[in-house]
Amino acid sequence: MSGFVYAVECAGRIKIGYSSYPERRFTKLMADAPFPSTLLGFWPGSRADEMAVHKRFASTRVHGEWFTATDALLAFVADNRIEPPARRSVVILCGHEVTRGSQKAIAQALGVTQGAISQWTQVPADRVIAVEQITGISRHDLRPDVFGPAPRRGKAA
């Protein structure tokens, strides 16, 4: 068993799912959700374990893997979840390490979610200057395909 059963809350509903990487899966769910979401927790398990939770709470199923956030379901999650490993203080933004605070600042400045930014494979060309100003990462490093290589500095005389 190398996976996890996870629980995500969104607008009074709880999604019970399975993933090998629940925090990564949550990032995707958060980017797609119509309302703010919270990762309630995860615990080691298999797809069969996920299905057992679905069966146990079948009377509260709303749709697919989504259930009403009942006290019983919330207590079940609280009793079973494990503490995730400490989160890194840096994240990777298109191949560059930035602090979590920078990622949040970028998201706020651009009017997008952190989840959206975490999905970038490269900084969109129209966002490079703003990202450069927030992170200090040169536009030439962020998008050499658009801005070319960093200009060489002349030798001191």
C-alpha atoms as a PDB file:
ATOM      1  CA  MET A   1       0.000   0.000   0.000  1.00  0.00           C
ATOM      2  CA  SER A   2       1.609   3.244  -1.091  1.00  0.00           C
ATOM      3  CA  GLY A   3      -1.354   5.560  -1.172  1.00  0.00           C
ATOM      4  CA  PHE A   4      -3.596   7.581   1.047  1.00  0.00           C
ATOM      5  CA  VAL A   5      -7.284   8.148   1.583  1.00  0.00           C
ATOM      6  CA  TYR A   6      -7.921  11.888   1.896  1.00  0.00           C
ATOM      7  CA  ALA A   7     -10.752  14.194   2.926  1.00  0.00           C
ATOM      8  CA  VAL A   8     -11.299  17.657   1.456  1.00  0.00           C
ATOM      9  CA  GLU A   9     -14.009  20.068   2.595  1.00  0.00           C
ATOM     10  CA  CYS A  10     -15.632  22.522   0.202  1.00  0.00           C
ATOM     11  CA  ALA A  11     -18.834  24.459   0.878  1.00  0.00           C
ATOM     12  CA  GLY A  12     -20.221  22.045   3.472  1.00  0.00           C
ATOM     13  CA  ARG A  13     -19.349  18.965   1.445  1.00  0.00           C
ATOM     14  CA  ILE A  14     -16.510  16.503   1.985  1.00  0.00           C
ATOM     15  CA  LYS A  15     -14.762  14.647  -0.808  1.00  0.00           C
ATOM     16  CA  ILE A  16     -13.313  11.298   0.174  1.00  0.00           C
ATOM     17  CA  GLY A  17     -10.720  10.236  -2.374  1.00  0.00           C
ATOM     18  CA  TYR A  18      -7.578   8.220  -2.917  1.00  0.00           C
ATOM     19  CA  SER A  19      -4.179   9.442  -4.088  1.00  0.00           C
ATOM     20  CA  SER A  20      -0.519   8.532  -3.854  1.00  0.00           C
ATOM     21  CA  TYR A  21       0.138  12.259  -3.325  1.00  0.00           C
ATOM     22  CA  PRO A  22      -2.808  13.749  -1.398  1.00  0.00           C
ATOM     23  CA  GLU A  23      -1.306  17.221  -0.947  1.00  0.00           C
ATOM     24  CA  ARG A  24      -0.629  17.463  -4.692  1.00  0.00           C
ATOM     25  CA  ARG A  25      -4.153  16.196  -5.393  1.00  0.00           C
ATOM     26  CA  PHE A  26      -5.525  18.860  -3.043  1.00  0.00           C
ATOM     27  CA  THR A  27      -3.686  21.567  -4.987  1.00  0.00           C
ATOM     28  CA  LYS A  28      -5.471  20.418  -8.146  1.00  0.00           C
ATOM     29  CA  LEU A  29      -8.842  20.224  -6.392  1.00  0.00           C
ATOM     30  CA  MET A  30      -8.333  23.684  -4.896  1.00  0.00           C
ATOM     31  CA  ALA A  31      -7.592  25.135  -8.331  1.00  0.00           C
ATOM     32  CA  ASP A  32     -10.760  23.580  -9.777  1.00  0.00           C
ATOM     33  CA  ALA A  33     -13.158  24.127  -6.869  1.00  0.00           C
ATOM     34  CA  PRO A  34     -15.789  26.862  -7.133  1.00  0.00           C
ATOM     35  CA  PHE A  35     -15.339  27.763  -3.445  1.00  0.00           C
ATOM     36  CA  PRO A  36     -12.414  27.807  -0.997  1.00  0.00           C
ATOM     37  CA  SER A  37     -11.415  24.288   0.036  1.00  0.00           C
ATOM     38  CA  THR A  38      -9.623  22.769   3.010  1.00  0.00           C
ATOM     39  CA  LEU A  39      -7.592  19.585   3.178  1.00  0.00           C
ATOM     40  CA  LEU A  40      -9.028  18.037   6.347  1.00  0.00           C
ATOM     41  CA  GLY A  41      -6.504  15.237   6.396  1.00  0.00           C
ATOM     42  CA  PHE A  42      -5.278  11.989   4.958  1.00  0.00           C
ATOM     43  CA  TRP A  43      -4.240   8.581   6.199  1.00  0.00           C
ATOM     44  CA  PRO A  44      -2.508   5.528   4.725  1.00  0.00           C
ATOM     45  CA  GLY A  45      -4.924   3.420   2.747  1.00  0.00           C
ATOM     46  CA  SER A  46      -5.840   1.755  -0.508  1.00  0.00           C
ATOM     47  CA  ARG A  47      -8.628   2.200  -3.027  1.00  0.00           C
ATOM     48  CA  ALA A  48     -10.469  -0.537  -1.123  1.00  0.00           C
ATOM     49  CA  ASP A  49     -10.140   1.541   2.063  1.00  0.00           C
ATOM     50  CA  GLU A  50     -11.524   4.554   0.211  1.00  0.00           C
ATOM     51  CA  MET A  51     -14.486   2.475  -0.958  1.00  0.00           C
ATOM     52  CA  ALA A  52     -15.070   1.259   2.621  1.00  0.00           C
ATOM     53  CA  VAL A  53     -15.366   4.879   3.787  1.00  0.00           C
ATOM     54  CA  HIS A  54     -17.752   5.589   0.900  1.00  0.00           C
ATOM     55  CA  LYS A  55     -19.865   2.587   1.948  1.00  0.00           C
ATOM     56  CA  ARG A  56     -19.821   3.556   5.625  1.00  0.00           C
ATOM     57  CA  PHE A  57     -21.131   7.057   4.861  1.00  0.00           C
ATOM     58  CA  ALA A  58     -23.301   6.145   1.848  1.00  0.00           C
ATOM     59  CA  SER A  59     -26.420   7.614   3.465  1.00  0.00           C
ATOM     60  CA  THR A  60     -24.828  11.076   3.313  1.00  0.00           C
ATOM     61  CA  ARG A  61     -23.505  10.819  -0.266  1.00  0.00           C
ATOM     62  CA  VAL A  62     -24.372  13.911  -2.288  1.00  0.00           C
ATOM     63  CA  HIS A  63     -22.730  13.055  -5.601  1.00  0.00           C
ATOM     64  CA  GLY A  64     -19.842  10.823  -6.650  1.00  0.00           C
ATOM     65  CA  GLU A  65     -17.169  11.054  -3.954  1.00  0.00           C
ATOM     66  CA  TRP A  66     -18.813  14.022  -2.203  1.00  0.00           C
ATOM     67  CA  PHE A  67     -20.642  13.649   1.106  1.00  0.00           C
ATOM     68  CA  THR A  68     -22.501  15.984   3.470  1.00  0.00           C
ATOM     69  CA  ALA A  69     -20.154  17.236   6.192  1.00  0.00           C
ATOM     70  CA  THR A  70     -21.883  15.483   9.091  1.00  0.00           C
ATOM     71  CA  ASP A  71     -20.499  15.408  12.620  1.00  0.00           C
ATOM     72  CA  ALA A  72     -19.941  11.655  12.236  1.00  0.00           C
ATOM     73  CA  LEU A  73     -17.901  12.057   9.046  1.00  0.00           C
ATOM     74  CA  LEU A  74     -15.876  14.937  10.473  1.00  0.00           C
ATOM     75  CA  ALA A  75     -15.151  12.894  13.623  1.00  0.00           C
ATOM     76  CA  PHE A  76     -14.110   9.913  11.488  1.00  0.00           C
ATOM     77  CA  VAL A  77     -11.640  12.060   9.561  1.00  0.00           C
ATOM     78  CA  ALA A  78     -10.278  13.653  12.756  1.00  0.00           C
ATOM     79  CA  ASP A  79      -9.792  10.206  14.336  1.00  0.00           C
ATOM     80  CA  ASN A  80      -7.997   8.726  11.317  1.00  0.00           C
ATOM     81  CA  ARG A  81      -5.899  11.516   9.831  1.00  0.00           C
ATOM     82  CA  ILE A  82      -2.162  11.633  10.314  1.00  0.00           C
ATOM     83  CA  GLU A  83       0.004  14.689  10.680  1.00  0.00           C
ATOM     84  CA  PRO A  84       1.623  15.475   7.337  1.00  0.00           C
ATOM     85  CA  PRO A  85       5.360  16.020   7.197  1.00  0.00           C
ATOM     86  CA  ALA A  86       6.428  19.599   7.830  1.00  0.00           C
ATOM     87  CA  ARG A  87       5.828  21.734   4.764  1.00  0.00           C
ATOM     88  CA  ARG A  88       8.860  23.107   3.046  1.00  0.00           C
ATOM     89  CA  SER A  89       9.356  26.815   3.473  1.00  0.00           C
ATOM     90  CA  VAL A  90      10.112  27.084  -0.240  1.00  0.00           C
ATOM     91  CA  VAL A  91       8.197  25.984  -3.301  1.00  0.00           C
ATOM     92  CA  ILE A  92       9.314  25.526  -6.862  1.00  0.00           C
ATOM     93  CA  LEU A  93       8.012  28.111  -9.309  1.00  0.00           C
ATOM     94  CA  CYS A  94       8.791  27.057 -12.836  1.00  0.00           C
ATOM     95  CA  GLY A  95      12.127  25.563 -11.808  1.00  0.00           C
ATOM     96  CA  HIS A  96      13.079  28.303  -9.314  1.00  0.00           C
ATOM     97  CA  GLU A  97      12.809  28.119  -5.533  1.00  0.00           C
ATOM     98  CA  VAL A  98      10.698  30.858  -3.976  1.00  0.00           C
ATOM     99  CA  THR A  99       9.371  31.229  -0.447  1.00  0.00           C
ATOM    100  CA  ARG A 100       5.785  30.241   0.243  1.00  0.00           C
ATOM    101  CA  GLY A 101       5.159  33.893   1.085  1.00  0.00           C
ATOM    102  CA  SER A 102       6.342  34.887  -2.379  1.00  0.00           C
ATOM    103  CA  GLN A 103       3.977  32.419  -4.002  1.00  0.00           C
ATOM    104  CA  LYS A 104       1.094  33.852  -1.977  1.00  0.00           C
ATOM    105  CA  ALA A 105       2.165  37.413  -2.844  1.00  0.00           C
ATOM    106  CA  ILE A 106       2.347  36.513  -6.541  1.00  0.00           C
ATOM    107  CA  ALA A 107      -1.126  35.008  -6.407  1.00  0.00           C
ATOM    108  CA  GLN A 108      -2.592  38.043  -4.645  1.00  0.00           C
ATOM    109  CA  ALA A 109      -0.855  40.533  -6.952  1.00  0.00           C
ATOM    110  CA  LEU A 110      -2.036  38.700 -10.053  1.00  0.00           C
ATOM    111  CA  GLY A 111      -5.542  37.994  -8.753  1.00  0.00           C
ATOM    112  CA  VAL A 112      -5.194  34.224  -9.103  1.00  0.00           C
ATOM    113  CA  THR A 113      -5.060  31.320  -6.644  1.00  0.00           C
ATOM    114  CA  GLN A 114      -1.877  29.753  -5.311  1.00  0.00           C
ATOM    115  CA  GLY A 115      -3.177  26.498  -6.792  1.00  0.00           C
ATOM    116  CA  ALA A 116      -3.213  28.073 -10.243  1.00  0.00           C
ATOM    117  CA  ILE A 117       0.371  29.244  -9.851  1.00  0.00           C
ATOM    118  CA  SER A 118       1.524  25.829  -8.659  1.00  0.00           C
ATOM    119  CA  GLN A 119       0.297  24.402 -11.957  1.00  0.00           C
ATOM    120  CA  TRP A 120       2.371  26.708 -14.157  1.00  0.00           C
ATOM    121  CA  THR A 121       5.065  24.915 -16.115  1.00  0.00           C
ATOM    122  CA  GLN A 122       6.382  28.344 -17.048  1.00  0.00           C
ATOM    123  CA  VAL A 123       5.389  31.853 -16.046  1.00  0.00           C
ATOM    124  CA  PRO A 124       2.966  33.259 -18.633  1.00  0.00           C
ATOM    125  CA  ALA A 125       4.760  35.902 -20.691  1.00  0.00           C
ATOM    126  CA  ASP A 126       2.317  38.643 -19.685  1.00  0.00           C
ATOM    127  CA  ARG A 127       2.967  37.898 -15.991  1.00  0.00           C
ATOM    128  CA  VAL A 128       6.779  37.746 -16.052  1.00  0.00           C
ATOM    129  CA  ILE A 129       7.486  41.382 -15.110  1.00  0.00           C
ATOM    130  CA  ALA A 130       5.188  41.221 -12.065  1.00  0.00           C
ATOM    131  CA  VAL A 131       6.698  37.902 -10.959  1.00  0.00           C
ATOM    132  CA  GLU A 132      10.203  39.342 -11.414  1.00  0.00           C
ATOM    133  CA  GLN A 133       9.327  42.344  -9.218  1.00  0.00           C
ATOM    134  CA  ILE A 134       7.907  40.130  -6.451  1.00  0.00           C
ATOM    135  CA  THR A 135      10.524  37.356  -6.448  1.00  0.00           C
ATOM    136  CA  GLY A 136      13.658  39.077  -7.703  1.00  0.00           C
ATOM    137  CA  ILE A 137      14.119  36.286 -10.255  1.00  0.00           C
ATOM    138  CA  SER A 138      15.246  37.842 -13.520  1.00  0.00           C
ATOM    139  CA  ARG A 139      12.839  37.817 -16.460  1.00  0.00           C
ATOM    140  CA  HIS A 140      15.731  36.364 -18.439  1.00  0.00           C
ATOM    141  CA  ASP A 141      15.829  33.379 -16.074  1.00  0.00           C
ATOM    142  CA  LEU A 142      12.046  33.047 -15.909  1.00  0.00           C
ATOM    143  CA  ARG A 143      11.448  33.206 -19.675  1.00  0.00           C
ATOM    144  CA  PRO A 144      14.655  33.187 -21.729  1.00  0.00           C
ATOM    145  CA  ASP A 145      12.517  32.160 -24.706  1.00  0.00           C
ATOM    146  CA  VAL A 146      10.778  35.556 -24.538  1.00  0.00           C
ATOM    147  CA  PHE A 147      13.397  37.876 -23.009  1.00  0.00           C
ATOM    148  CA  GLY A 148      16.583  36.178 -24.201  1.00  0.00           C
ATOM    149  CA  PRO A 149      19.554  35.276 -22.031  1.00  0.00           C
ATOM    150  CA  ALA A 150      20.631  37.575 -19.225  1.00  0.00           C
ATOM    151  CA  PRO A 151      22.842  40.376 -20.533  1.00  0.00           C
ATOM    152  CA  ARG A 152      26.527  39.882 -19.777  1.00  0.00           C
ATOM    153  CA  ARG A 153      28.102  42.328 -17.428  1.00  0.00           C
ATOM    154  CA  GLY A 154      31.269  43.966 -18.708  1.00  0.00           C
ATOM    155  CA  LYS A 155      34.602  43.357 -16.980  1.00  0.00           C
ATOM    156  CA  ALA A 156      35.852  46.005 -14.615  1.00  0.00           C
ATOM    157  CA  ALA A 157      38.535  48.237 -16.144  1.00  0.00           C
END
